[in-house]
Amino acid sequence: MSEIAAAMGLTSLESMAEVTLTNHRNYARYRRRLSEVPGVRLVPYDESEQHSHQFVVLEIDVEAASLSRDELSDVLRAEGVLARR
C-alpha cells in the first residue's frame, strides 16, 4: 500500500463507527421492507460476528418475483441504486 493510500485509510478510520452504524440501519430497513416482497430473499449476516454491513445481498426466485436478477438490477439502477451481480 502506498503512503497516500495508507493516509487516506487512516482518515477514514475516524468515521468508521458512524459509517458502520448507518450501514447497519440501512441493512435493517432493507431486511424489514424486503421481507414482504415475494421471491426476494435478503441473505442475512451472521449477527454473532462484526460486520460493516456495506453490502446487501439478495437472492431472487425468478418465478415468485416475476423478474430476473438482471431485470431487478436494471430497475434498481434506473432508480439510482447501485446494484451489481
PDB file of N, CA and C in Angstrom:
ATOM      1  N   MET A   1       0.854  -1.165   0.000  1.00  0.00           N
ATOM      2  CA  MET A   1       0.000   0.000   0.000  1.00  0.00           C
ATOM      3  C   MET A   1       0.906   1.235   0.000  1.00  0.00           C
ATOM      4  N   SER A   2       0.565   2.186  -0.810  1.00  0.00           N
ATOM      5  CA  SER A   2       1.347   3.422  -0.866  1.00  0.00           C
ATOM      6  C   SER A   2       1.072   4.270   0.378  1.00  0.00           C
ATOM      7  N   GLU A   3       1.946   5.226   0.625  1.00  0.00           N
ATOM      8  CA  GLU A   3       1.759   6.117   1.779  1.00  0.00           C
ATOM      9  C   GLU A   3       0.485   6.946   1.642  1.00  0.00           C
ATOM     10  N   ILE A   4       0.173   7.340   0.423  1.00  0.00           N
ATOM     11  CA  ILE A   4      -1.045   8.126   0.194  1.00  0.00           C
ATOM     12  C   ILE A   4      -2.282   7.288   0.503  1.00  0.00           C
ATOM     13  N   ALA A   5      -2.282   6.041   0.039  1.00  0.00           N
ATOM     14  CA  ALA A   5      -3.415   5.152   0.317  1.00  0.00           C
ATOM     15  C   ALA A   5      -3.537   4.899   1.813  1.00  0.00           C
ATOM     16  N   ALA A   6      -2.394   4.719   2.500  1.00  0.00           N
ATOM     17  CA  ALA A   6      -2.416   4.499   3.945  1.00  0.00           C
ATOM     18  C   ALA A   6      -2.957   5.722   4.676  1.00  0.00           C
ATOM     19  N   ALA A   7      -2.561   6.904   4.243  1.00  0.00           N
ATOM     20  CA  ALA A   7      -3.050   8.135   4.865  1.00  0.00           C
ATOM     21  C   ALA A   7      -4.562   8.276   4.685  1.00  0.00           C
ATOM     22  N   MET A   8      -5.049   7.959   3.498  1.00  0.00           N
ATOM     23  CA  MET A   8      -6.494   8.022   3.252  1.00  0.00           C
ATOM     24  C   MET A   8      -7.220   7.011   4.138  1.00  0.00           C
ATOM     25  N   GLY A   9      -6.641   5.820   4.272  1.00  0.00           N
ATOM     26  CA  GLY A   9      -7.238   4.799   5.131  1.00  0.00           C
ATOM     27  C   GLY A   9      -7.316   5.256   6.574  1.00  0.00           C
ATOM     28  N   LEU A  10      -6.268   5.881   7.051  1.00  0.00           N
ATOM     29  CA  LEU A  10      -6.259   6.368   8.434  1.00  0.00           C
ATOM     30  C   LEU A  10      -7.332   7.421   8.672  1.00  0.00           C
ATOM     31  N   THR A  11      -7.534   8.308   7.711  1.00  0.00           N
ATOM     32  CA  THR A  11      -8.557   9.340   7.897  1.00  0.00           C
ATOM     33  C   THR A  11      -9.962   8.738   7.869  1.00  0.00           C
ATOM     34  N   SER A  12     -10.143   7.675   7.098  1.00  0.00           N
ATOM     35  CA  SER A  12     -11.473   7.051   7.049  1.00  0.00           C
ATOM     36  C   SER A  12     -11.770   6.268   8.322  1.00  0.00           C
ATOM     37  N   LEU A  13     -10.748   5.865   9.066  1.00  0.00           N
ATOM     38  CA  LEU A  13     -10.979   5.157  10.325  1.00  0.00           C
ATOM     39  C   LEU A  13     -11.693   6.036  11.344  1.00  0.00           C
ATOM     40  N   GLU A  14     -11.469   7.332  11.250  1.00  0.00           N
ATOM     41  CA  GLU A  14     -12.104   8.262  12.188  1.00  0.00           C
ATOM     42  C   GLU A  14     -13.630   8.211  12.110  1.00  0.00           C
ATOM     43  N   SER A  15     -14.162   7.958  10.931  1.00  0.00           N
ATOM     44  CA  SER A  15     -15.618   7.942  10.753  1.00  0.00           C
ATOM     45  C   SER A  15     -16.178   6.525  10.584  1.00  0.00           C
ATOM     46  N   MET A  16     -15.352   5.523  10.812  1.00  0.00           N
ATOM     47  CA  MET A  16     -15.778   4.141  10.574  1.00  0.00           C
ATOM     48  C   MET A  16     -16.991   3.731  11.417  1.00  0.00           C
ATOM     49  N   ALA A  17     -17.007   4.095  12.684  1.00  0.00           N
ATOM     50  CA  ALA A  17     -18.131   3.722  13.549  1.00  0.00           C
ATOM     51  C   ALA A  17     -19.440   4.330  13.045  1.00  0.00           C
ATOM     52  N   GLU A  18     -19.388   5.586  12.631  1.00  0.00           N
ATOM     53  CA  GLU A  18     -20.588   6.262  12.124  1.00  0.00           C
ATOM     54  C   GLU A  18     -21.065   5.627  10.817  1.00  0.00           C
ATOM     55  N   VAL A  19     -20.141   5.326   9.924  1.00  0.00           N
ATOM     56  CA  VAL A  19     -20.488   4.699   8.644  1.00  0.00           C
ATOM     57  C   VAL A  19     -21.080   3.317   8.884  1.00  0.00           C
ATOM     58  N   THR A  20     -20.474   2.550   9.783  1.00  0.00           N
ATOM     59  CA  THR A  20     -20.969   1.206  10.084  1.00  0.00           C
ATOM     60  C   THR A  20     -22.373   1.266  10.680  1.00  0.00           C
ATOM     61  N   LEU A  21     -22.619   2.218  11.566  1.00  0.00           N
ATOM     62  CA  LEU A  21     -23.955   2.373  12.162  1.00  0.00           C
ATOM     63  C   LEU A  21     -24.994   2.717  11.097  1.00  0.00           C
ATOM     64  N   THR A  22     -24.647   3.616  10.201  1.00  0.00           N
ATOM     65  CA  THR A  22     -25.553   3.982   9.111  1.00  0.00           C
ATOM     66  C   THR A  22     -25.822   2.773   8.216  1.00  0.00           C
ATOM     67  N   ASN A  23     -24.778   2.029   7.874  1.00  0.00           N
ATOM     68  CA  ASN A  23     -24.937   0.832   7.048  1.00  0.00           C
ATOM     69  C   ASN A  23     -25.840  -0.185   7.736  1.00  0.00           C
ATOM     70  N   HIS A  24     -25.668  -0.353   9.051  1.00  0.00           N
ATOM     71  CA  HIS A  24     -26.482  -1.316   9.796  1.00  0.00           C
ATOM     72  C   HIS A  24     -27.947  -0.892   9.787  1.00  0.00           C
ATOM     73  N   ARG A  25     -28.203   0.395   9.958  1.00  0.00           N
ATOM     74  CA  ARG A  25     -29.593   0.896   9.909  1.00  0.00           C
ATOM     75  C   ARG A  25     -30.211   0.656   8.529  1.00  0.00           C
ATOM     76  N   ASN A  26     -29.431   0.942   7.484  1.00  0.00           N
ATOM     77  CA  ASN A  26     -29.919   0.721   6.119  1.00  0.00           C
ATOM     78  C   ASN A  26     -30.203  -0.756   5.873  1.00  0.00           C
ATOM     79  N   TYR A  27     -29.303  -1.618   6.327  1.00  0.00           N
ATOM     80  CA  TYR A  27     -29.481  -3.067   6.181  1.00  0.00           C
ATOM     81  C   TYR A  27     -30.766  -3.519   6.889  1.00  0.00           C
ATOM     82  N   ALA A  28     -30.978  -3.039   8.110  1.00  0.00           N
ATOM     83  CA  ALA A  28     -32.185  -3.410   8.861  1.00  0.00           C
ATOM     84  C   ALA A  28     -33.443  -2.936   8.138  1.00  0.00           C
ATOM     85  N   ARG A  29     -33.377  -1.762   7.538  1.00  0.00           N
ATOM     86  CA  ARG A  29     -34.520  -1.233   6.785  1.00  0.00           C
ATOM     87  C   ARG A  29     -34.797  -2.104   5.561  1.00  0.00           C
ATOM     88  N   TYR A  30     -33.740  -2.448   4.826  1.00  0.00           N
ATOM     89  CA  TYR A  30     -33.905  -3.357   3.681  1.00  0.00           C
ATOM     90  C   TYR A  30     -34.513  -4.679   4.140  1.00  0.00           C
ATOM     91  N   ARG A  31     -34.010  -5.237   5.234  1.00  0.00           N
ATOM     92  CA  ARG A  31     -34.498  -6.530   5.729  1.00  0.00           C
ATOM     93  C   ARG A  31     -35.990  -6.457   6.045  1.00  0.00           C
ATOM     94  N   ARG A  32     -36.403  -5.393   6.734  1.00  0.00           N
ATOM     95  CA  ARG A  32     -37.831  -5.247   7.073  1.00  0.00           C
ATOM     96  C   ARG A  32     -38.695  -5.117   5.827  1.00  0.00           C
ATOM     97  N   ARG A  33     -38.301  -4.220   4.952  1.00  0.00           N
ATOM     98  CA  ARG A  33     -39.159  -3.920   3.807  1.00  0.00           C
ATOM     99  C   ARG A  33     -39.148  -5.028   2.751  1.00  0.00           C
ATOM    100  N   LEU A  34     -38.029  -5.690   2.578  1.00  0.00           N
ATOM    101  CA  LEU A  34     -37.962  -6.746   1.564  1.00  0.00           C
ATOM    102  C   LEU A  34     -38.559  -8.061   2.044  1.00  0.00           C
ATOM    103  N   SER A  35     -38.801  -8.183   3.346  1.00  0.00           N
ATOM    104  CA  SER A  35     -39.358  -9.431   3.870  1.00  0.00           C
ATOM    105  C   SER A  35     -40.754  -9.710   3.311  1.00  0.00           C
ATOM    106  N   GLU A  36     -41.432  -8.693   2.839  1.00  0.00           N
ATOM    107  CA  GLU A  36     -42.787  -8.856   2.311  1.00  0.00           C
ATOM    108  C   GLU A  36     -42.830  -8.970   0.788  1.00  0.00           C
ATOM    109  N   VAL A  37     -41.674  -8.907   0.131  1.00  0.00           N
ATOM    110  CA  VAL A  37     -41.635  -8.957  -1.335  1.00  0.00           C
ATOM    111  C   VAL A  37     -41.482 -10.405  -1.779  1.00  0.00           C
ATOM    112  N   PRO A  38     -42.463 -10.933  -2.505  1.00  0.00           N
ATOM    113  CA  PRO A  38     -42.381 -12.326  -2.948  1.00  0.00           C
ATOM    114  C   PRO A  38     -41.179 -12.557  -3.868  1.00  0.00           C
ATOM    115  N   GLY A  39     -40.461 -13.638  -3.609  1.00  0.00           N
ATOM    116  CA  GLY A  39     -39.362 -14.031  -4.476  1.00  0.00           C
ATOM    117  C   GLY A  39     -38.053 -13.319  -4.215  1.00  0.00           C
ATOM    118  N   VAL A  40     -38.026 -12.443  -3.229  1.00  0.00           N
ATOM    119  CA  VAL A  40     -36.793 -11.726  -2.890  1.00  0.00           C
ATOM    120  C   VAL A  40     -36.410 -12.108  -1.464  1.00  0.00           C
ATOM    121  N   ARG A  41     -35.190 -12.618  -1.327  1.00  0.00           N
ATOM    122  CA  ARG A  41     -34.698 -13.011   0.000  1.00  0.00           C
ATOM    123  C   ARG A  41     -33.387 -12.295   0.269  1.00  0.00           C
ATOM    124  N   LEU A  42     -33.346 -11.577   1.366  1.00  0.00           N
ATOM    125  CA  LEU A  42     -32.125 -10.910   1.789  1.00  0.00           C
ATOM    126  C   LEU A  42     -31.245 -11.940   2.491  1.00  0.00           C
ATOM    127  N   VAL A  43     -30.011 -12.078   2.060  1.00  0.00           N
ATOM    128  CA  VAL A  43     -29.073 -13.010   2.686  1.00  0.00           C
ATOM    129  C   VAL A  43     -28.609 -12.372   3.991  1.00  0.00           C
ATOM    130  N   PRO A  44     -28.881 -13.039   5.117  1.00  0.00           N
ATOM    131  CA  PRO A  44     -28.574 -12.413   6.407  1.00  0.00           C
ATOM    132  C   PRO A  44     -27.089 -12.474   6.759  1.00  0.00           C
ATOM    133  N   TYR A  45     -26.644 -11.483   7.505  1.00  0.00           N
ATOM    134  CA  TYR A  45     -25.311 -11.509   8.099  1.00  0.00           C
ATOM    135  C   TYR A  45     -25.376 -12.364   9.351  1.00  0.00           C
ATOM    136  N   ASP A  46     -24.264 -12.962   9.714  1.00  0.00           N
ATOM    137  CA  ASP A  46     -24.160 -13.675  10.981  1.00  0.00           C
ATOM    138  C   ASP A  46     -24.008 -12.610  12.065  1.00  0.00           C
ATOM    139  N   GLU A  47     -25.065 -12.391  12.826  1.00  0.00           N
ATOM    140  CA  GLU A  47     -25.075 -11.312  13.807  1.00  0.00           C
ATOM    141  C   GLU A  47     -24.156 -11.590  14.998  1.00  0.00           C
ATOM    142  N   SER A  48     -23.607 -12.808  15.100  1.00  0.00           N
ATOM    143  CA  SER A  48     -22.649 -13.090  16.175  1.00  0.00           C
ATOM    144  C   SER A  48     -21.259 -12.581  15.810  1.00  0.00           C
ATOM    145  N   GLU A  49     -21.100 -12.088  14.584  1.00  0.00           N
ATOM    146  CA  GLU A  49     -19.830 -11.528  14.125  1.00  0.00           C
ATOM    147  C   GLU A  49     -20.000 -10.040  13.858  1.00  0.00           C
ATOM    148  N   GLN A  50     -18.880  -9.311  13.802  1.00  0.00           N
ATOM    149  CA  GLN A  50     -18.927  -7.888  13.481  1.00  0.00           C
ATOM    150  C   GLN A  50     -18.868  -7.716  11.968  1.00  0.00           C
ATOM    151  N   HIS A  51     -19.687  -6.812  11.459  1.00  0.00           N
ATOM    152  CA  HIS A  51     -19.742  -6.541  10.023  1.00  0.00           C
ATOM    153  C   HIS A  51     -19.882  -5.043   9.798  1.00  0.00           C
ATOM    154  N   SER A  52     -19.427  -4.603   8.645  1.00  0.00           N
ATOM    155  CA  SER A  52     -19.637  -3.203   8.274  1.00  0.00           C
ATOM    156  C   SER A  52     -21.013  -3.026   7.635  1.00  0.00           C
ATOM    157  N   HIS A  53     -21.665  -4.138   7.276  1.00  0.00           N
ATOM    158  CA  HIS A  53     -22.967  -4.100   6.599  1.00  0.00           C
ATOM    159  C   HIS A  53     -22.917  -3.235   5.345  1.00  0.00           C
ATOM    160  N   GLN A  54     -21.770  -3.253   4.691  1.00  0.00           N
ATOM    161  CA  GLN A  54     -21.585  -2.432   3.494  1.00  0.00           C
ATOM    162  C   GLN A  54     -22.418  -2.942   2.323  1.00  0.00           C
ATOM    163  N   PHE A  55     -22.638  -4.253   2.289  1.00  0.00           N
ATOM    164  CA  PHE A  55     -23.350  -4.837   1.155  1.00  0.00           C
ATOM    165  C   PHE A  55     -24.659  -5.467   1.609  1.00  0.00           C
ATOM    166  N   VAL A  56     -25.664  -5.358   0.761  1.00  0.00           N
ATOM    167  CA  VAL A  56     -26.931  -6.047   0.962  1.00  0.00           C
ATOM    168  C   VAL A  56     -27.036  -7.043  -0.191  1.00  0.00           C
ATOM    169  N   VAL A  57     -27.039  -8.327   0.151  1.00  0.00           N
ATOM    170  CA  VAL A  57     -27.054  -9.379  -0.862  1.00  0.00           C
ATOM    171  C   VAL A  57     -28.451  -9.976  -0.914  1.00  0.00           C
ATOM    172  N   LEU A  58     -28.985 -10.074  -2.131  1.00  0.00           N
ATOM    173  CA  LEU A  58     -30.325 -10.620  -2.329  1.00  0.00           C
ATOM    174  C   LEU A  58     -30.263 -11.870  -3.177  1.00  0.00           C
ATOM    175  N   GLU A  59     -31.162 -12.798  -2.901  1.00  0.00           N
ATOM    176  CA  GLU A  59     -31.395 -13.945  -3.775  1.00  0.00           C
ATOM    177  C   GLU A  59     -32.773 -13.753  -4.390  1.00  0.00           C
ATOM    178  N   ILE A  60     -32.845 -13.979  -5.696  1.00  0.00           N
ATOM    179  CA  ILE A  60     -34.096 -13.758  -6.416  1.00  0.00           C
ATOM    180  C   ILE A  60     -34.630 -15.085  -6.932  1.00  0.00           C
ATOM    181  N   ASP A  61     -35.872 -15.398  -6.586  1.00  0.00           N
ATOM    182  CA  ASP A  61     -36.593 -16.536  -7.158  1.00  0.00           C
ATOM    183  C   ASP A  61     -37.369 -15.974  -8.339  1.00  0.00           C
ATOM    184  N   VAL A  62     -36.904 -16.278  -9.549  1.00  0.00           N
ATOM    185  CA  VAL A  62     -37.454 -15.657 -10.763  1.00  0.00           C
ATOM    186  C   VAL A  62     -38.953 -15.878 -10.880  1.00  0.00           C
ATOM    187  N   GLU A  63     -39.410 -17.081 -10.608  1.00  0.00           N
ATOM    188  CA  GLU A  63     -40.844 -17.364 -10.758  1.00  0.00           C
ATOM    189  C   GLU A  63     -41.682 -16.598  -9.740  1.00  0.00           C
ATOM    190  N   ALA A  64     -41.256 -16.588  -8.491  1.00  0.00           N
ATOM    191  CA  ALA A  64     -42.033 -15.915  -7.446  1.00  0.00           C
ATOM    192  C   ALA A  64     -41.953 -14.398  -7.564  1.00  0.00           C
ATOM    193  N   ALA A  65     -40.807 -13.881  -8.010  1.00  0.00           N
ATOM    194  CA  ALA A  65     -40.623 -12.430  -8.108  1.00  0.00           C
ATOM    195  C   ALA A  65     -41.129 -11.870  -9.429  1.00  0.00           C
ATOM    196  N   SER A  66     -41.316 -12.721 -10.405  1.00  0.00           N
ATOM    197  CA  SER A  66     -41.770 -12.316 -11.738  1.00  0.00           C
ATOM    198  C   SER A  66     -40.775 -11.420 -12.469  1.00  0.00           C
ATOM    199  N   LEU A  67     -39.526 -11.460 -12.051  1.00  0.00           N
ATOM    200  CA  LEU A  67     -38.465 -10.796 -12.790  1.00  0.00           C
ATOM    201  C   LEU A  67     -37.128 -11.434 -12.403  1.00  0.00           C
ATOM    202  N   SER A  68     -36.175 -11.307 -13.301  1.00  0.00           N
ATOM    203  CA  SER A  68     -34.871 -11.927 -13.075  1.00  0.00           C
ATOM    204  C   SER A  68     -33.963 -11.001 -12.275  1.00  0.00           C
ATOM    205  N   ARG A  69     -32.854 -11.560 -11.846  1.00  0.00           N
ATOM    206  CA  ARG A  69     -31.854 -10.760 -11.140  1.00  0.00           C
ATOM    207  C   ARG A  69     -31.409  -9.573 -11.982  1.00  0.00           C
ATOM    208  N   ASP A  70     -31.142  -9.823 -13.273  1.00  0.00           N
ATOM    209  CA  ASP A  70     -30.676  -8.758 -14.155  1.00  0.00           C
ATOM    210  C   ASP A  70     -31.756  -7.692 -14.369  1.00  0.00           C
ATOM    211  N   GLU A  71     -33.004  -8.123 -14.487  1.00  0.00           N
ATOM    212  CA  GLU A  71     -34.095  -7.158 -14.641  1.00  0.00           C
ATOM    213  C   GLU A  71     -34.233  -6.295 -13.382  1.00  0.00           C
ATOM    214  N   LEU A  72     -34.133  -6.934 -12.221  1.00  0.00           N
ATOM    215  CA  LEU A  72     -34.200  -6.186 -10.961  1.00  0.00           C
ATOM    216  C   LEU A  72     -33.032  -5.213 -10.860  1.00  0.00           C
ATOM    217  N   SER A  73     -31.863  -5.657 -11.237  1.00  0.00           N
ATOM    218  CA  SER A  73     -30.683  -4.794 -11.220  1.00  0.00           C
ATOM    219  C   SER A  73     -30.891  -3.569 -12.106  1.00  0.00           C
ATOM    220  N   ASP A  74     -31.475  -3.768 -13.282  1.00  0.00           N
ATOM    221  CA  ASP A  74     -31.756  -2.648 -14.192  1.00  0.00           C
ATOM    222  C   ASP A  74     -32.749  -1.664 -13.569  1.00  0.00           C
ATOM    223  N   VAL A  75     -33.785  -2.177 -12.930  1.00  0.00           N
ATOM    224  CA  VAL A  75     -34.785  -1.317 -12.286  1.00  0.00           C
ATOM    225  C   VAL A  75     -34.138  -0.518 -11.156  1.00  0.00           C
ATOM    226  N   LEU A  76     -33.329  -1.192 -10.343  1.00  0.00           N
ATOM    227  CA  LEU A  76     -32.674  -0.502  -9.234  1.00  0.00           C
ATOM    228  C   LEU A  76     -31.746   0.603  -9.732  1.00  0.00           C
ATOM    229  N   ARG A  77     -30.968   0.299 -10.769  1.00  0.00           N
ATOM    230  CA  ARG A  77     -30.064   1.313 -11.328  1.00  0.00           C
ATOM    231  C   ARG A  77     -30.847   2.509 -11.873  1.00  0.00           C
ATOM    232  N   ALA A  78     -31.985   2.242 -12.505  1.00  0.00           N
ATOM    233  CA  ALA A  78     -32.815   3.325 -13.040  1.00  0.00           C
ATOM    234  C   ALA A  78     -33.331   4.226 -11.907  1.00  0.00           C
ATOM    235  N   GLU A  79     -33.448   3.670 -10.709  1.00  0.00           N
ATOM    236  CA  GLU A  79     -33.895   4.434  -9.555  1.00  0.00           C
ATOM    237  C   GLU A  79     -32.732   5.023  -8.760  1.00  0.00           C
ATOM    238  N   GLY A  80     -31.512   4.891  -9.284  1.00  0.00           N
ATOM    239  CA  GLY A  80     -30.346   5.477  -8.621  1.00  0.00           C
ATOM    240  C   GLY A  80     -29.719   4.617  -7.561  1.00  0.00           C
ATOM    241  N   VAL A  81     -30.068   3.330  -7.528  1.00  0.00           N
ATOM    242  CA  VAL A  81     -29.492   2.402  -6.541  1.00  0.00           C
ATOM    243  C   VAL A  81     -28.350   1.660  -7.200  1.00  0.00           C
ATOM    244  N   LEU A  82     -27.178   1.701  -6.563  1.00  0.00           N
ATOM    245  CA  LEU A  82     -26.027   0.974  -7.091  1.00  0.00           C
ATOM    246  C   LEU A  82     -26.263  -0.507  -6.850  1.00  0.00           C
ATOM    247  N   ALA A  83     -26.402  -1.266  -7.913  1.00  0.00           N
ATOM    248  CA  ALA A  83     -26.653  -2.700  -7.811  1.00  0.00           C
ATOM    249  C   ALA A  83     -25.726  -3.435  -8.774  1.00  0.00           C
ATOM    250  N   ARG A  84     -25.173  -4.532  -8.283  1.00  0.00           N
ATOM    251  CA  ARG A  84     -24.282  -5.350  -9.121  1.00  0.00           C
ATOM    252  C   ARG A  84     -24.681  -6.808  -8.990  1.00  0.00           C
ATOM    253  N   ARG A  85     -24.224  -7.567  -9.995  1.00  0.00           N
ATOM    254  CA  ARG A  85     -24.434  -9.014  -9.923  1.00  0.00           C
ATOM    255  C   ARG A  85     -23.500  -9.600  -8.896  1.00  0.00           C
TER     256      ARG A  85
END
